[in-house]
Amino acid sequence: MLKNILNVSGVQELSKNDQKEFMGGVPVLIPRSCDVVCRTAPRGTDCGPSHCPGVCDGHGGYYNI
């Protein structure tokens, strides 16, 4: 498959060093937990990670959706 991809016009293979440099420049965003976000957030503010999303209740608490 790599050979087929490299045959496409304008494509070049990246060295291991280039790959590390490229991937190293991508920040990883970690969402803050609902406990932290909802202390001061208004009602309806989304919180939590994608596998366990929640919504702030406006009183310092939250509920999972």
PDB file of N, CA and C in Angstrom:
ATOM      1  N   MET A   1       0.817  -1.195   0.000  1.00  0.00           N
ATOM      2  CA  MET A   1       0.000   0.000   0.000  1.00  0.00           C
ATOM      3  C   MET A   1       0.863   1.261   0.000  1.00  0.00           C
ATOM      4  N   LEU A   2       1.963   1.251   0.777  1.00  0.00           N
ATOM      5  CA  LEU A   2       2.856   2.401   0.811  1.00  0.00           C
ATOM      6  C   LEU A   2       3.398   2.718  -0.584  1.00  0.00           C
ATOM      7  N   LYS A   3       3.730   1.675  -1.331  1.00  0.00           N
ATOM      8  CA  LYS A   3       4.245   1.894  -2.685  1.00  0.00           C
ATOM      9  C   LYS A   3       3.207   2.602  -3.554  1.00  0.00           C
ATOM     10  N   ASN A   4       1.935   2.219  -3.409  1.00  0.00           N
ATOM     11  CA  ASN A   4       0.870   2.861  -4.184  1.00  0.00           C
ATOM     12  C   ASN A   4       0.704   4.324  -3.786  1.00  0.00           C
ATOM     13  N   ILE A   5       0.781   4.596  -2.502  1.00  0.00           N
ATOM     14  CA  ILE A   5       0.640   5.972  -2.020  1.00  0.00           C
ATOM     15  C   ILE A   5       1.798   6.827  -2.524  1.00  0.00           C
ATOM     16  N   LEU A   6       3.011   6.279  -2.480  1.00  0.00           N
ATOM     17  CA  LEU A   6       4.186   7.033  -2.918  1.00  0.00           C
ATOM     18  C   LEU A   6       4.178   7.304  -4.417  1.00  0.00           C
ATOM     19  N   ASN A   7       3.374   6.560  -5.171  1.00  0.00           N
ATOM     20  CA  ASN A   7       3.266   6.788  -6.614  1.00  0.00           C
ATOM     21  C   ASN A   7       2.356   7.965  -6.951  1.00  0.00           C
ATOM     22  N   VAL A   8       1.616   8.468  -5.989  1.00  0.00           N
ATOM     23  CA  VAL A   8       0.742   9.615  -6.218  1.00  0.00           C
ATOM     24  C   VAL A   8       1.609  10.853  -6.391  1.00  0.00           C
ATOM     25  N   SER A   9       1.259  11.681  -7.343  1.00  0.00           N
ATOM     26  CA  SER A   9       2.042  12.876  -7.654  1.00  0.00           C
ATOM     27  C   SER A   9       2.145  13.812  -6.455  1.00  0.00           C
ATOM     28  N   GLY A  10       3.361  14.235  -6.126  1.00  0.00           N
ATOM     29  CA  GLY A  10       3.589  15.199  -5.059  1.00  0.00           C
ATOM     30  C   GLY A  10       3.729  14.602  -3.670  1.00  0.00           C
ATOM     31  N   VAL A  11       3.629  13.291  -3.539  1.00  0.00           N
ATOM     32  CA  VAL A  11       3.722  12.636  -2.231  1.00  0.00           C
ATOM     33  C   VAL A  11       5.154  12.208  -1.991  1.00  0.00           C
ATOM     34  N   GLN A  12       5.616  12.417  -0.752  1.00  0.00           N
ATOM     35  CA  GLN A  12       6.946  11.937  -0.399  1.00  0.00           C
ATOM     36  C   GLN A  12       6.898  11.289   0.974  1.00  0.00           C
ATOM     37  N   GLU A  13       7.772  10.349   1.196  1.00  0.00           N
ATOM     38  CA  GLU A  13       7.827   9.637   2.468  1.00  0.00           C
ATOM     39  C   GLU A  13       8.551  10.509   3.494  1.00  0.00           C
ATOM     40  N   LEU A  14       7.999  10.567   4.710  1.00  0.00           N
ATOM     41  CA  LEU A  14       8.628  11.338   5.777  1.00  0.00           C
ATOM     42  C   LEU A  14       9.628  10.476   6.523  1.00  0.00           C
ATOM     43  N   SER A  15      10.743  11.077   6.913  1.00  0.00           N
ATOM     44  CA  SER A  15      11.710  10.360   7.736  1.00  0.00           C
ATOM     45  C   SER A  15      11.143  10.233   9.151  1.00  0.00           C
ATOM     46  N   LYS A  16      11.723   9.349   9.935  1.00  0.00           N
ATOM     47  CA  LYS A  16      11.278   9.187  11.329  1.00  0.00           C
ATOM     48  C   LYS A  16      11.394  10.506  12.087  1.00  0.00           C
ATOM     49  N   ASN A  17      12.458  11.251  11.814  1.00  0.00           N
ATOM     50  CA  ASN A  17      12.665  12.532  12.480  1.00  0.00           C
ATOM     51  C   ASN A  17      11.564  13.524  12.105  1.00  0.00           C
ATOM     52  N   ASP A  18      11.206  13.569  10.818  1.00  0.00           N
ATOM     53  CA  ASP A  18      10.133  14.448  10.362  1.00  0.00           C
ATOM     54  C   ASP A  18       8.803  14.060  10.996  1.00  0.00           C
ATOM     55  N   GLN A  19       8.560  12.755  11.125  1.00  0.00           N
ATOM     56  CA  GLN A  19       7.322  12.277  11.729  1.00  0.00           C
ATOM     57  C   GLN A  19       7.226  12.722  13.191  1.00  0.00           C
ATOM     58  N   LYS A  20       8.326  12.597  13.926  1.00  0.00           N
ATOM     59  CA  LYS A  20       8.340  13.004  15.332  1.00  0.00           C
ATOM     60  C   LYS A  20       8.100  14.500  15.465  1.00  0.00           C
ATOM     61  N   GLU A  21       8.724  15.280  14.592  1.00  0.00           N
ATOM     62  CA  GLU A  21       8.571  16.726  14.627  1.00  0.00           C
ATOM     63  C   GLU A  21       7.127  17.123  14.347  1.00  0.00           C
ATOM     64  N   PHE A  22       6.511  16.483  13.364  1.00  0.00           N
ATOM     65  CA  PHE A  22       5.129  16.784  13.003  1.00  0.00           C
ATOM     66  C   PHE A  22       4.182  16.423  14.134  1.00  0.00           C
ATOM     67  N   MET A  23       4.292  15.215  14.653  1.00  0.00           N
ATOM     68  CA  MET A  23       3.388  14.770  15.715  1.00  0.00           C
ATOM     69  C   MET A  23       3.641  15.510  17.015  1.00  0.00           C
ATOM     70  N   GLY A  24       4.873  15.946  17.243  1.00  0.00           N
ATOM     71  CA  GLY A  24       5.192  16.661  18.469  1.00  0.00           C
ATOM     72  C   GLY A  24       4.586  18.050  18.525  1.00  0.00           C
ATOM     73  N   GLY A  25       4.184  18.590  17.385  1.00  0.00           N
ATOM     74  CA  GLY A  25       3.623  19.933  17.351  1.00  0.00           C
ATOM     75  C   GLY A  25       2.125  19.979  17.545  1.00  0.00           C
ATOM     76  N   VAL A  26       1.489  18.825  17.762  1.00  0.00           N
ATOM     77  CA  VAL A  26       0.035  18.773  17.921  1.00  0.00           C
ATOM     78  C   VAL A  26      -0.292  18.708  19.411  1.00  0.00           C
ATOM     79  N   PRO A  27      -0.934  19.751  19.952  1.00  0.00           N
ATOM     80  CA  PRO A  27      -1.258  19.710  21.376  1.00  0.00           C
ATOM     81  C   PRO A  27      -2.414  18.754  21.648  1.00  0.00           C
ATOM     82  N   VAL A  28      -2.360  18.106  22.779  1.00  0.00           N
ATOM     83  CA  VAL A  28      -3.436  17.216  23.196  1.00  0.00           C
ATOM     84  C   VAL A  28      -4.281  17.988  24.209  1.00  0.00           C
ATOM     85  N   LEU A  29      -5.548  18.146  23.880  1.00  0.00           N
ATOM     86  CA  LEU A  29      -6.446  18.880  24.762  1.00  0.00           C
ATOM     87  C   LEU A  29      -7.211  17.901  25.641  1.00  0.00           C
ATOM     88  N   ILE A  30      -7.095  18.069  26.938  1.00  0.00           N
ATOM     89  CA  ILE A  30      -7.805  17.218  27.879  1.00  0.00           C
ATOM     90  C   ILE A  30      -8.887  18.072  28.536  1.00  0.00           C
ATOM     91  N   PRO A  31     -10.151  17.713  28.323  1.00  0.00           N
ATOM     92  CA  PRO A  31     -11.221  18.525  28.904  1.00  0.00           C
ATOM     93  C   PRO A  31     -11.199  18.451  30.430  1.00  0.00           C
ATOM     94  N   ARG A  32     -11.539  19.566  31.040  1.00  0.00           N
ATOM     95  CA  ARG A  32     -11.601  19.586  32.498  1.00  0.00           C
ATOM     96  C   ARG A  32     -12.842  18.837  32.957  1.00  0.00           C
ATOM     97  N   SER A  33     -12.779  18.281  34.137  1.00  0.00           N
ATOM     98  CA  SER A  33     -13.906  17.512  34.648  1.00  0.00           C
ATOM     99  C   SER A  33     -15.075  18.434  34.986  1.00  0.00           C
ATOM    100  N   CYS A  34     -16.260  17.873  35.018  1.00  0.00           N
ATOM    101  CA  CYS A  34     -17.460  18.647  35.335  1.00  0.00           C
ATOM    102  C   CYS A  34     -17.376  19.256  36.734  1.00  0.00           C
ATOM    103  N   ASP A  35     -16.720  18.551  37.663  1.00  0.00           N
ATOM    104  CA  ASP A  35     -16.571  19.088  39.022  1.00  0.00           C
ATOM    105  C   ASP A  35     -15.908  20.457  39.002  1.00  0.00           C
ATOM    106  N   VAL A  36     -14.887  20.603  38.167  1.00  0.00           N
ATOM    107  CA  VAL A  36     -14.128  21.847  38.094  1.00  0.00           C
ATOM    108  C   VAL A  36     -14.880  22.905  37.284  1.00  0.00           C
ATOM    109  N   VAL A  37     -15.374  22.518  36.112  1.00  0.00           N
ATOM    110  CA  VAL A  37     -16.027  23.463  35.211  1.00  0.00           C
ATOM    111  C   VAL A  37     -17.285  24.060  35.835  1.00  0.00           C
ATOM    112  N   CYS A  38     -18.086  23.231  36.465  1.00  0.00           N
ATOM    113  CA  CYS A  38     -19.412  23.663  36.920  1.00  0.00           C
ATOM    114  C   CYS A  38     -19.413  24.449  38.228  1.00  0.00           C
ATOM    115  N   ARG A  39     -18.265  24.597  38.870  1.00  0.00           N
ATOM    116  CA  ARG A  39     -18.222  25.406  40.107  1.00  0.00           C
ATOM    117  C   ARG A  39     -18.681  26.826  39.849  1.00  0.00           C
ATOM    118  N   THR A  40     -18.308  27.369  38.678  1.00  0.00           N
ATOM    119  CA  THR A  40     -18.637  28.767  38.381  1.00  0.00           C
ATOM    120  C   THR A  40     -19.355  28.952  37.047  1.00  0.00           C
ATOM    121  N   ALA A  41     -19.611  27.876  36.331  1.00  0.00           N
ATOM    122  CA  ALA A  41     -20.203  27.991  34.993  1.00  0.00           C
ATOM    123  C   ALA A  41     -21.731  28.134  35.073  1.00  0.00           C
ATOM    124  N   PRO A  42     -22.306  28.850  34.116  1.00  0.00           N
ATOM    125  CA  PRO A  42     -23.758  28.990  34.086  1.00  0.00           C
ATOM    126  C   PRO A  42     -24.455  27.698  33.652  1.00  0.00           C
ATOM    127  N   ARG A  43     -25.727  27.634  33.897  1.00  0.00           N
ATOM    128  CA  ARG A  43     -26.536  26.473  33.529  1.00  0.00           C
ATOM    129  C   ARG A  43     -26.437  26.214  32.020  1.00  0.00           C
ATOM    130  N   GLY A  44     -26.302  24.935  31.666  1.00  0.00           N
ATOM    131  CA  GLY A  44     -26.255  24.545  30.264  1.00  0.00           C
ATOM    132  C   GLY A  44     -24.859  24.458  29.666  1.00  0.00           C
ATOM    133  N   THR A  45     -23.821  24.819  30.433  1.00  0.00           N
ATOM    134  CA  THR A  45     -22.445  24.738  29.944  1.00  0.00           C
ATOM    135  C   THR A  45     -22.038  23.277  29.814  1.00  0.00           C
ATOM    136  N   ASP A  46     -21.511  22.893  28.650  1.00  0.00           N
ATOM    137  CA  ASP A  46     -21.029  21.527  28.442  1.00  0.00           C
ATOM    138  C   ASP A  46     -19.774  21.289  29.263  1.00  0.00           C
ATOM    139  N   CYS A  47     -19.626  20.072  29.771  1.00  0.00           N
ATOM    140  CA  CYS A  47     -18.438  19.729  30.548  1.00  0.00           C
ATOM    141  C   CYS A  47     -18.138  18.252  30.398  1.00  0.00           C
ATOM    142  N   GLY A  48     -16.962  17.860  30.836  1.00  0.00           N
ATOM    143  CA  GLY A  48     -16.565  16.463  30.849  1.00  0.00           C
ATOM    144  C   GLY A  48     -16.025  15.965  29.530  1.00  0.00           C
ATOM    145  N   PRO A  49     -15.392  14.781  29.565  1.00  0.00           N
ATOM    146  CA  PRO A  49     -14.842  14.171  28.357  1.00  0.00           C
ATOM    147  C   PRO A  49     -15.942  13.613  27.470  1.00  0.00           C
ATOM    148  N   SER A  50     -15.591  13.318  26.220  1.00  0.00           N
ATOM    149  CA  SER A  50     -16.585  12.856  25.254  1.00  0.00           C
ATOM    150  C   SER A  50     -17.222  11.524  25.646  1.00  0.00           C
ATOM    151  N   HIS A  51     -16.504  10.677  26.387  1.00  0.00           N
ATOM    152  CA  HIS A  51     -17.081   9.384  26.757  1.00  0.00           C
ATOM    153  C   HIS A  51     -18.041   9.501  27.940  1.00  0.00           C
ATOM    154  N   CYS A  52     -18.062  10.655  28.582  1.00  0.00           N
ATOM    155  CA  CYS A  52     -18.934  10.853  29.730  1.00  0.00           C
ATOM    156  C   CYS A  52     -19.337  12.328  29.796  1.00  0.00           C
ATOM    157  N   PRO A  53     -20.057  12.823  28.784  1.00  0.00           N
ATOM    158  CA  PRO A  53     -20.385  14.250  28.741  1.00  0.00           C
ATOM    159  C   PRO A  53     -21.393  14.646  29.815  1.00  0.00           C
ATOM    160  N   GLY A  54     -21.294  15.873  30.218  1.00  0.00           N
ATOM    161  CA  GLY A  54     -22.229  16.399  31.201  1.00  0.00           C
ATOM    162  C   GLY A  54     -22.616  17.821  30.873  1.00  0.00           C
ATOM    163  N   VAL A  55     -23.577  18.340  31.643  1.00  0.00           N
ATOM    164  CA  VAL A  55     -24.041  19.710  31.485  1.00  0.00           C
ATOM    165  C   VAL A  55     -24.181  20.314  32.877  1.00  0.00           C
ATOM    166  N   CYS A  56     -23.695  21.533  33.044  1.00  0.00           N
ATOM    167  CA  CYS A  56     -23.773  22.211  34.339  1.00  0.00           C
ATOM    168  C   CYS A  56     -25.213  22.585  34.655  1.00  0.00           C
ATOM    169  N   ASP A  57     -25.573  22.477  35.956  1.00  0.00           N
ATOM    170  CA  ASP A  57     -26.936  22.803  36.361  1.00  0.00           C
ATOM    171  C   ASP A  57     -27.105  24.257  36.814  1.00  0.00           C
ATOM    172  N   GLY A  58     -25.995  25.022  36.856  1.00  0.00           N
ATOM    173  CA  GLY A  58     -26.059  26.430  37.240  1.00  0.00           C
ATOM    174  C   GLY A  58     -25.972  26.672  38.731  1.00  0.00           C
ATOM    175  N   HIS A  59     -25.879  25.592  39.520  1.00  0.00           N
ATOM    176  CA  HIS A  59     -25.776  25.709  40.985  1.00  0.00           C
ATOM    177  C   HIS A  59     -24.535  25.032  41.517  1.00  0.00           C
ATOM    178  N   GLY A  60     -23.517  24.902  40.666  1.00  0.00           N
ATOM    179  CA  GLY A  60     -22.263  24.267  41.070  1.00  0.00           C
ATOM    180  C   GLY A  60     -22.248  22.769  40.836  1.00  0.00           C
ATOM    181  N   GLY A  61     -23.360  22.210  40.405  1.00  0.00           N
ATOM    182  CA  GLY A  61     -23.436  20.781  40.132  1.00  0.00           C
ATOM    183  C   GLY A  61     -23.577  20.513  38.645  1.00  0.00           C
ATOM    184  N   TYR A  62     -23.812  19.280  38.296  1.00  0.00           N
ATOM    185  CA  TYR A  62     -23.954  18.904  36.889  1.00  0.00           C
ATOM    186  C   TYR A  62     -24.755  17.617  36.781  1.00  0.00           C
ATOM    187  N   TYR A  63     -25.179  17.310  35.597  1.00  0.00           N
ATOM    188  CA  TYR A  63     -25.792  16.027  35.327  1.00  0.00           C
ATOM    189  C   TYR A  63     -25.245  15.473  34.022  1.00  0.00           C
ATOM    190  N   ASN A  64     -25.105  14.168  33.938  1.00  0.00           N
ATOM    191  CA  ASN A  64     -24.581  13.518  32.729  1.00  0.00           C
ATOM    192  C   ASN A  64     -25.692  13.377  31.704  1.00  0.00           C
ATOM    193  N   ILE A  65     -25.300  13.530  30.451  1.00  0.00           N
ATOM    194  CA  ILE A  65     -26.285  13.395  29.373  1.00  0.00           C
ATOM    195  C   ILE A  65     -26.008  12.162  28.553  1.00  0.00           C
TER     196      ILE A  65
END
